[in-house]
Amino acid sequence: MSYDRAITVFSPDGHLFQVEYAMEAVRRGSTAIGVRGVDCVVLAVERRALAKLQDPRTIRKIVKVDSRCTLAFAGLTADARVLIQKARVEAQSYRLTCEDAPSMEYLARYIARTQQKYTQRGGVRPFGIATLLAGFSDDETGGKPVLYQTDPAGTHSSWKAQVIGGRNAKSLREFLEKGYEESMAETAAVKLAVQALLEVVDSGAKNMEVCVVRKNETIFMEESALDEVVKQIEVEAGDKKGTTPAVAPVV
């Protein structure tokens, strides 16, 4: 029997192959990175090379779901468009019903629940995307920056820094683990995200998109500002190489 033909059939060793294929679609997508700072969340995505005559404004990997929630995704863009629209409608419905903005956890849970629904019944297929959601929590301290991740299986979790998409996600996650600090300011968070993205992006600032989510505003960084960050990282990398002590030859 072929166990990858139906979404509702488990293989004998407990796998749902269609869900695993959806995760493979995410791995084949562009890299997206999220880094949580003290007072912001930074989202950075790899922008694949566009056709010469294509308008770059029509290809967005970072979008607003609600005034308080920004989303980055990796995987199939068409699937992302449908899921983002569902999340936007739910956010507006919540505002209409509760007369308040939905919390970040609520939106992350809703997106994960929607993705999970598409793994459990026939006639549909899983969404071939993973998402990173950035925003601020609602609590007594006035709100802290939060970063959530969802995947095609329908799980959601909170992170300090995370990578989705691309073949090098595991090595980039290790890079973030080494470079991440609890008390990172906005500048340091942007630098770490760009530094990690440079591991997979060849053309520097030209092929990346970076968004800074602050308490009351969301900023998309200009290419010139990104170029400055890239140059600073390259200078520091050059200085480190220059200051590496030479090893005396063994006689």
C-alpha atoms as a PDB file:
ATOM      1  CA  MET A   1       0.000   0.000   0.000  1.00  0.00           C
ATOM      2  CA  SER A   2       1.204   3.509  -0.790  1.00  0.00           C
ATOM      3  CA  TYR A   3       0.924   5.513   2.438  1.00  0.00           C
ATOM      4  CA  ASP A   4       1.626   8.909   0.868  1.00  0.00           C
ATOM      5  CA  ARG A   5      -1.539   8.999  -1.257  1.00  0.00           C
ATOM      6  CA  ALA A   6      -3.990   9.967   1.494  1.00  0.00           C
ATOM      7  CA  ILE A   7      -3.440  12.639   4.118  1.00  0.00           C
ATOM      8  CA  THR A   8      -5.432  10.702   6.755  1.00  0.00           C
ATOM      9  CA  VAL A   9      -3.486   7.419   6.559  1.00  0.00           C
ATOM     10  CA  PHE A  10      -0.573   6.736   8.890  1.00  0.00           C
ATOM     11  CA  SER A  11       2.315   4.589   7.705  1.00  0.00           C
ATOM     12  CA  PRO A  12       3.154   1.543   9.899  1.00  0.00           C
ATOM     13  CA  ASP A  13       6.011   3.461  11.560  1.00  0.00           C
ATOM     14  CA  GLY A  14       3.750   6.371  12.530  1.00  0.00           C
ATOM     15  CA  HIS A  15       4.497   8.880   9.759  1.00  0.00           C
ATOM     16  CA  LEU A  16       2.110  11.136   7.869  1.00  0.00           C
ATOM     17  CA  PHE A  17       4.031  11.452   4.626  1.00  0.00           C
ATOM     18  CA  GLN A  18       2.024  14.369   3.227  1.00  0.00           C
ATOM     19  CA  VAL A  19       2.914  16.451   6.308  1.00  0.00           C
ATOM     20  CA  GLU A  20       6.574  15.522   5.898  1.00  0.00           C
ATOM     21  CA  TYR A  21       6.417  16.510   2.230  1.00  0.00           C
ATOM     22  CA  ALA A  22       4.964  19.885   3.313  1.00  0.00           C
ATOM     23  CA  MET A  23       7.933  20.332   5.663  1.00  0.00           C
ATOM     24  CA  GLU A  24      10.223  19.549   2.733  1.00  0.00           C
ATOM     25  CA  ALA A  25       8.501  22.366   0.811  1.00  0.00           C
ATOM     26  CA  VAL A  26       9.450  24.675   3.696  1.00  0.00           C
ATOM     27  CA  ARG A  27      13.073  23.499   3.541  1.00  0.00           C
ATOM     28  CA  ARG A  28      13.128  24.295  -0.177  1.00  0.00           C
ATOM     29  CA  GLY A  29      11.852  27.823   0.498  1.00  0.00           C
ATOM     30  CA  SER A  30      13.717  31.024   1.316  1.00  0.00           C
ATOM     31  CA  THR A  31      15.353  31.391   4.728  1.00  0.00           C
ATOM     32  CA  ALA A  32      13.536  33.489   7.354  1.00  0.00           C
ATOM     33  CA  ILE A  33      15.090  34.495  10.686  1.00  0.00           C
ATOM     34  CA  GLY A  34      13.549  35.999  13.811  1.00  0.00           C
ATOM     35  CA  VAL A  35      15.506  37.518  16.718  1.00  0.00           C
ATOM     36  CA  ARG A  36      13.882  38.855  19.886  1.00  0.00           C
ATOM     37  CA  GLY A  37      15.550  41.875  21.497  1.00  0.00           C
ATOM     38  CA  VAL A  38      14.824  43.723  24.744  1.00  0.00           C
ATOM     39  CA  ASP A  39      12.416  46.204  23.130  1.00  0.00           C
ATOM     40  CA  CYS A  40      11.851  44.836  19.616  1.00  0.00           C
ATOM     41  CA  VAL A  41      11.673  41.761  17.381  1.00  0.00           C
ATOM     42  CA  VAL A  42      13.710  41.608  14.160  1.00  0.00           C
ATOM     43  CA  LEU A  43      12.512  39.589  11.170  1.00  0.00           C
ATOM     44  CA  ALA A  44      14.959  39.015   8.313  1.00  0.00           C
ATOM     45  CA  VAL A  45      14.237  37.040   5.134  1.00  0.00           C
ATOM     46  CA  GLU A  46      16.203  35.962   2.106  1.00  0.00           C
ATOM     47  CA  ARG A  47      14.872  37.562  -1.059  1.00  0.00           C
ATOM     48  CA  ARG A  48      15.401  35.270  -4.040  1.00  0.00           C
ATOM     49  CA  ALA A  49      16.634  36.796  -7.307  1.00  0.00           C
ATOM     50  CA  LEU A  50      13.766  38.385  -9.246  1.00  0.00           C
ATOM     51  CA  ALA A  51      13.187  38.439 -12.985  1.00  0.00           C
ATOM     52  CA  LYS A  52      14.588  41.556 -14.612  1.00  0.00           C
ATOM     53  CA  LEU A  53      11.148  42.983 -15.479  1.00  0.00           C
ATOM     54  CA  GLN A  54       9.401  41.946 -12.231  1.00  0.00           C
ATOM     55  CA  ASP A  55       8.215  44.548  -9.728  1.00  0.00           C
ATOM     56  CA  PRO A  56       9.891  43.673  -6.379  1.00  0.00           C
ATOM     57  CA  ARG A  57       7.036  45.237  -4.379  1.00  0.00           C
ATOM     58  CA  THR A  58       4.735  42.397  -5.411  1.00  0.00           C
ATOM     59  CA  ILE A  59       6.937  39.765  -3.742  1.00  0.00           C
ATOM     60  CA  ARG A  60       6.711  40.109   0.040  1.00  0.00           C
ATOM     61  CA  LYS A  61       7.912  37.549   2.575  1.00  0.00           C
ATOM     62  CA  ILE A  62       7.113  39.794   5.563  1.00  0.00           C
ATOM     63  CA  VAL A  63       3.515  41.011   5.950  1.00  0.00           C
ATOM     64  CA  LYS A  64       1.228  42.596   8.532  1.00  0.00           C
ATOM     65  CA  VAL A  65      -1.531  40.371   9.905  1.00  0.00           C
ATOM     66  CA  ASP A  66      -2.889  42.941  12.338  1.00  0.00           C
ATOM     67  CA  SER A  67      -1.707  46.295  13.664  1.00  0.00           C
ATOM     68  CA  ARG A  68       0.065  44.389  16.470  1.00  0.00           C
ATOM     69  CA  CYS A  69       1.284  41.311  14.594  1.00  0.00           C
ATOM     70  CA  THR A  70       3.833  40.943  11.791  1.00  0.00           C
ATOM     71  CA  LEU A  71       4.435  37.625  10.021  1.00  0.00           C
ATOM     72  CA  ALA A  72       7.348  36.198   8.015  1.00  0.00           C
ATOM     73  CA  PHE A  73       7.062  32.883   6.189  1.00  0.00           C
ATOM     74  CA  ALA A  74       9.089  30.261   4.360  1.00  0.00           C
ATOM     75  CA  GLY A  75       7.639  27.874   1.799  1.00  0.00           C
ATOM     76  CA  LEU A  76       4.948  28.168  -0.872  1.00  0.00           C
ATOM     77  CA  THR A  77       3.912  31.796  -1.410  1.00  0.00           C
ATOM     78  CA  ALA A  78       0.439  30.888  -2.713  1.00  0.00           C
ATOM     79  CA  ASP A  79      -0.290  28.819   0.417  1.00  0.00           C
ATOM     80  CA  ALA A  80       0.977  31.680   2.574  1.00  0.00           C
ATOM     81  CA  ARG A  81      -1.397  34.139   0.898  1.00  0.00           C
ATOM     82  CA  VAL A  82      -4.408  31.966   1.761  1.00  0.00           C
ATOM     83  CA  LEU A  83      -3.327  31.346   5.368  1.00  0.00           C
ATOM     84  CA  ILE A  84      -2.482  35.023   5.955  1.00  0.00           C
ATOM     85  CA  GLN A  85      -5.903  36.057   4.648  1.00  0.00           C
ATOM     86  CA  LYS A  86      -7.586  33.604   7.050  1.00  0.00           C
ATOM     87  CA  ALA A  87      -5.531  35.061   9.954  1.00  0.00           C
ATOM     88  CA  ARG A  88      -6.435  38.643   8.967  1.00  0.00           C
ATOM     89  CA  VAL A  89     -10.151  37.832   8.847  1.00  0.00           C
ATOM     90  CA  GLU A  90      -9.915  36.122  12.251  1.00  0.00           C
ATOM     91  CA  ALA A  91      -8.091  39.148  13.722  1.00  0.00           C
ATOM     92  CA  GLN A  92     -10.826  41.515  12.471  1.00  0.00           C
ATOM     93  CA  SER A  93     -13.560  39.147  13.671  1.00  0.00           C
ATOM     94  CA  TYR A  94     -11.931  39.066  17.137  1.00  0.00           C
ATOM     95  CA  ARG A  95     -11.846  42.888  17.234  1.00  0.00           C
ATOM     96  CA  LEU A  96     -15.526  43.058  16.244  1.00  0.00           C
ATOM     97  CA  THR A  97     -16.558  40.509  18.881  1.00  0.00           C
ATOM     98  CA  CYS A  98     -14.298  41.460  21.801  1.00  0.00           C
ATOM     99  CA  GLU A  99     -13.686  45.148  21.001  1.00  0.00           C
ATOM    100  CA  ASP A 100      -9.962  44.575  21.524  1.00  0.00           C
ATOM    101  CA  ALA A 101      -6.959  43.449  19.480  1.00  0.00           C
ATOM    102  CA  PRO A 102      -6.165  39.712  19.566  1.00  0.00           C
ATOM    103  CA  SER A 103      -3.073  38.722  21.531  1.00  0.00           C
ATOM    104  CA  MET A 104       0.007  37.316  19.830  1.00  0.00           C
ATOM    105  CA  GLU A 105      -0.567  33.934  21.453  1.00  0.00           C
ATOM    106  CA  TYR A 106      -4.151  33.863  20.177  1.00  0.00           C
ATOM    107  CA  LEU A 107      -3.068  34.516  16.578  1.00  0.00           C
ATOM    108  CA  ALA A 108      -0.234  31.970  16.766  1.00  0.00           C
ATOM    109  CA  ARG A 109      -2.655  29.397  18.165  1.00  0.00           C
ATOM    110  CA  TYR A 110      -5.240  30.187  15.474  1.00  0.00           C
ATOM    111  CA  ILE A 111      -2.722  29.819  12.607  1.00  0.00           C
ATOM    112  CA  ALA A 112      -1.382  26.569  14.091  1.00  0.00           C
ATOM    113  CA  ARG A 113      -4.937  25.255  14.557  1.00  0.00           C
ATOM    114  CA  THR A 114      -5.778  26.069  10.930  1.00  0.00           C
ATOM    115  CA  GLN A 115      -2.625  24.321   9.707  1.00  0.00           C
ATOM    116  CA  GLN A 116      -3.426  21.272  11.858  1.00  0.00           C
ATOM    117  CA  LYS A 117      -6.991  21.044  10.460  1.00  0.00           C
ATOM    118  CA  TYR A 118      -5.507  20.589   7.005  1.00  0.00           C
ATOM    119  CA  THR A 119      -3.623  17.467   8.131  1.00  0.00           C
ATOM    120  CA  GLN A 120      -6.580  15.587   9.574  1.00  0.00           C
ATOM    121  CA  ARG A 121      -9.331  15.347   6.961  1.00  0.00           C
ATOM    122  CA  GLY A 122      -9.545  14.050   3.409  1.00  0.00           C
ATOM    123  CA  GLY A 123      -9.858  16.203   0.309  1.00  0.00           C
ATOM    124  CA  VAL A 124      -7.299  18.771   1.444  1.00  0.00           C
ATOM    125  CA  ARG A 125      -3.522  18.961   1.708  1.00  0.00           C
ATOM    126  CA  PRO A 126      -1.285  20.579   4.354  1.00  0.00           C
ATOM    127  CA  PHE A 127      -0.128  24.179   3.987  1.00  0.00           C
ATOM    128  CA  GLY A 128       3.430  24.078   2.674  1.00  0.00           C
ATOM    129  CA  ILE A 129       4.648  26.943   4.844  1.00  0.00           C
ATOM    130  CA  ALA A 130       6.149  27.663   8.256  1.00  0.00           C
ATOM    131  CA  THR A 131       5.653  31.073   9.864  1.00  0.00           C
ATOM    132  CA  LEU A 132       7.354  33.401  12.339  1.00  0.00           C
ATOM    133  CA  LEU A 133       5.073  35.846  14.169  1.00  0.00           C
ATOM    134  CA  ALA A 134       6.518  38.939  15.836  1.00  0.00           C
ATOM    135  CA  GLY A 135       4.784  41.358  18.178  1.00  0.00           C
ATOM    136  CA  PHE A 136       4.260  42.269  21.827  1.00  0.00           C
ATOM    137  CA  SER A 137       2.480  40.391  24.594  1.00  0.00           C
ATOM    138  CA  ASP A 138      -0.310  41.759  26.793  1.00  0.00           C
ATOM    139  CA  ASP A 139       0.704  41.755  30.446  1.00  0.00           C
ATOM    140  CA  GLU A 140       1.005  43.967  33.522  1.00  0.00           C
ATOM    141  CA  THR A 141       4.508  45.137  32.560  1.00  0.00           C
ATOM    142  CA  GLY A 142       3.208  46.955  29.481  1.00  0.00           C
ATOM    143  CA  GLY A 143       4.038  44.260  26.954  1.00  0.00           C
ATOM    144  CA  LYS A 144       7.208  42.387  26.121  1.00  0.00           C
ATOM    145  CA  PRO A 145       8.441  41.416  22.643  1.00  0.00           C
ATOM    146  CA  VAL A 146       7.477  37.867  21.639  1.00  0.00           C
ATOM    147  CA  LEU A 147       8.362  35.583  18.744  1.00  0.00           C
ATOM    148  CA  TYR A 148       6.231  32.562  17.784  1.00  0.00           C
ATOM    149  CA  GLN A 149       6.769  29.857  15.188  1.00  0.00           C
ATOM    150  CA  THR A 150       4.219  27.569  13.509  1.00  0.00           C
ATOM    151  CA  ASP A 151       4.885  24.674  11.119  1.00  0.00           C
ATOM    152  CA  PRO A 152       2.861  22.560   8.620  1.00  0.00           C
ATOM    153  CA  ALA A 153       2.071  19.955  11.296  1.00  0.00           C
ATOM    154  CA  GLY A 154       0.146  22.588  13.278  1.00  0.00           C
ATOM    155  CA  THR A 155       2.447  23.059  16.271  1.00  0.00           C
ATOM    156  CA  HIS A 156       3.254  26.505  17.648  1.00  0.00           C
ATOM    157  CA  SER A 157       5.976  27.533  20.079  1.00  0.00           C
ATOM    158  CA  SER A 158       7.638  30.644  21.484  1.00  0.00           C
ATOM    159  CA  TRP A 159      11.313  31.420  20.718  1.00  0.00           C
ATOM    160  CA  LYS A 160      14.067  33.889  21.554  1.00  0.00           C
ATOM    161  CA  ALA A 161      15.567  33.409  18.075  1.00  0.00           C
ATOM    162  CA  GLN A 162      14.588  30.986  15.329  1.00  0.00           C
ATOM    163  CA  VAL A 163      15.283  30.041  11.685  1.00  0.00           C
ATOM    164  CA  ILE A 164      12.797  28.529   9.232  1.00  0.00           C
ATOM    165  CA  GLY A 165      13.268  27.526   5.601  1.00  0.00           C
ATOM    166  CA  GLY A 166      16.388  26.809   3.606  1.00  0.00           C
ATOM    167  CA  ARG A 167      18.750  23.860   3.659  1.00  0.00           C
ATOM    168  CA  ASN A 168      21.042  25.435   6.276  1.00  0.00           C
ATOM    169  CA  ALA A 169      18.444  26.009   9.011  1.00  0.00           C
ATOM    170  CA  LYS A 170      20.215  23.726  11.504  1.00  0.00           C
ATOM    171  CA  SER A 171      23.640  25.393  11.165  1.00  0.00           C
ATOM    172  CA  LEU A 172      22.056  28.871  11.260  1.00  0.00           C
ATOM    173  CA  ARG A 173      20.191  27.935  14.451  1.00  0.00           C
ATOM    174  CA  GLU A 174      23.508  26.924  16.011  1.00  0.00           C
ATOM    175  CA  PHE A 175      24.966  30.263  14.875  1.00  0.00           C
ATOM    176  CA  LEU A 176      22.102  32.105  16.601  1.00  0.00           C
ATOM    177  CA  GLU A 177      22.590  30.046  19.779  1.00  0.00           C
ATOM    178  CA  LYS A 178      26.225  31.157  19.937  1.00  0.00           C
ATOM    179  CA  GLY A 179      25.550  34.828  19.188  1.00  0.00           C
ATOM    180  CA  TYR A 180      22.287  35.413  21.066  1.00  0.00           C
ATOM    181  CA  GLU A 181      22.236  37.389  24.345  1.00  0.00           C
ATOM    182  CA  GLU A 182      19.270  37.990  26.638  1.00  0.00           C
ATOM    183  CA  SER A 183      19.697  41.770  26.801  1.00  0.00           C
ATOM    184  CA  MET A 184      20.141  42.528  23.102  1.00  0.00           C
ATOM    185  CA  ALA A 185      19.314  46.070  22.004  1.00  0.00           C
ATOM    186  CA  GLU A 186      17.727  46.752  18.617  1.00  0.00           C
ATOM    187  CA  THR A 187      21.055  47.420  16.871  1.00  0.00           C
ATOM    188  CA  ALA A 188      22.577  44.170  18.149  1.00  0.00           C
ATOM    189  CA  ALA A 189      19.458  42.148  17.210  1.00  0.00           C
ATOM    190  CA  VAL A 190      19.486  43.557  13.656  1.00  0.00           C
ATOM    191  CA  LYS A 191      23.203  42.841  13.366  1.00  0.00           C
ATOM    192  CA  LEU A 192      22.814  39.216  14.528  1.00  0.00           C
ATOM    193  CA  ALA A 193      19.902  38.578  12.125  1.00  0.00           C
ATOM    194  CA  VAL A 194      21.768  40.076   9.158  1.00  0.00           C
ATOM    195  CA  GLN A 195      24.956  38.242  10.124  1.00  0.00           C
ATOM    196  CA  ALA A 196      23.096  34.918  10.137  1.00  0.00           C
ATOM    197  CA  LEU A 197      21.390  35.705   6.821  1.00  0.00           C
ATOM    198  CA  LEU A 198      24.734  36.541   5.208  1.00  0.00           C
ATOM    199  CA  GLU A 199      25.659  32.870   5.689  1.00  0.00           C
ATOM    200  CA  VAL A 200      23.159  31.968   2.937  1.00  0.00           C
ATOM    201  CA  VAL A 201      22.796  35.216   0.945  1.00  0.00           C
ATOM    202  CA  ASP A 202      25.478  35.984  -1.637  1.00  0.00           C
ATOM    203  CA  SER A 203      24.645  39.503  -2.810  1.00  0.00           C
ATOM    204  CA  GLY A 204      24.523  41.202   0.596  1.00  0.00           C
ATOM    205  CA  ALA A 205      21.795  43.756   1.318  1.00  0.00           C
ATOM    206  CA  LYS A 206      20.353  43.499  -2.197  1.00  0.00           C
ATOM    207  CA  ASN A 207      18.886  40.042  -1.556  1.00  0.00           C
ATOM    208  CA  MET A 208      17.500  40.456   1.945  1.00  0.00           C
ATOM    209  CA  GLU A 209      14.516  42.099   3.590  1.00  0.00           C
ATOM    210  CA  VAL A 210      14.644  43.152   7.235  1.00  0.00           C
ATOM    211  CA  CYS A 211      11.768  44.366   9.406  1.00  0.00           C
ATOM    212  CA  VAL A 212      12.029  45.770  12.960  1.00  0.00           C
ATOM    213  CA  VAL A 213       8.864  45.352  15.040  1.00  0.00           C
ATOM    214  CA  ARG A 214       8.772  47.923  17.837  1.00  0.00           C
ATOM    215  CA  LYS A 215       6.126  48.564  20.500  1.00  0.00           C
ATOM    216  CA  ASN A 216       4.106  51.088  18.488  1.00  0.00           C
ATOM    217  CA  GLU A 217       5.521  50.831  14.969  1.00  0.00           C
ATOM    218  CA  THR A 218       6.921  48.448  12.393  1.00  0.00           C
ATOM    219  CA  ILE A 219       9.898  49.565  10.296  1.00  0.00           C
ATOM    220  CA  PHE A 220      11.057  48.011   7.032  1.00  0.00           C
ATOM    221  CA  MET A 221      14.745  48.844   6.717  1.00  0.00           C
ATOM    222  CA  GLU A 222      15.927  50.586   3.539  1.00  0.00           C
ATOM    223  CA  GLU A 223      18.546  48.881   1.380  1.00  0.00           C
ATOM    224  CA  SER A 224      21.051  51.694   2.123  1.00  0.00           C
ATOM    225  CA  ALA A 225      20.691  51.130   5.906  1.00  0.00           C
ATOM    226  CA  LEU A 226      21.081  47.372   5.424  1.00  0.00           C
ATOM    227  CA  ASP A 227      24.163  47.995   3.291  1.00  0.00           C
ATOM    228  CA  GLU A 228      25.749  49.907   6.181  1.00  0.00           C
ATOM    229  CA  VAL A 229      25.111  46.982   8.555  1.00  0.00           C
ATOM    230  CA  VAL A 230      26.585  44.517   6.041  1.00  0.00           C
ATOM    231  CA  LYS A 231      29.700  46.681   5.569  1.00  0.00           C
ATOM    232  CA  GLN A 232      30.165  46.946   9.353  1.00  0.00           C
ATOM    233  CA  ILE A 233      29.936  43.150   9.698  1.00  0.00           C
ATOM    234  CA  GLU A 234      32.461  42.657   6.870  1.00  0.00           C
ATOM    235  CA  VAL A 235      34.892  45.166   8.439  1.00  0.00           C
ATOM    236  CA  GLU A 236      34.658  43.425  11.830  1.00  0.00           C
ATOM    237  CA  ALA A 237      35.186  40.040  10.177  1.00  0.00           C
ATOM    238  CA  GLY A 238      38.268  41.424   8.383  1.00  0.00           C
ATOM    239  CA  ASP A 239      39.648  42.880  11.627  1.00  0.00           C
ATOM    240  CA  LYS A 240      39.266  39.521  13.378  1.00  0.00           C
ATOM    241  CA  LYS A 241      41.190  37.799  10.624  1.00  0.00           C
ATOM    242  CA  GLY A 242      43.895  40.460  10.785  1.00  0.00           C
ATOM    243  CA  THR A 243      44.309  40.185  14.551  1.00  0.00           C
ATOM    244  CA  THR A 244      44.548  36.385  14.592  1.00  0.00           C
ATOM    245  CA  PRO A 245      48.020  35.598  15.972  1.00  0.00           C
ATOM    246  CA  ALA A 246      50.312  33.788  13.581  1.00  0.00           C
ATOM    247  CA  VAL A 247      51.371  30.291  14.605  1.00  0.00           C
ATOM    248  CA  ALA A 248      55.142  29.822  14.736  1.00  0.00           C
ATOM    249  CA  PRO A 249      56.370  27.123  12.327  1.00  0.00           C
ATOM    250  CA  VAL A 250      57.501  23.865  13.930  1.00  0.00           C
ATOM    251  CA  VAL A 251      61.218  23.258  13.310  1.00  0.00           C
END
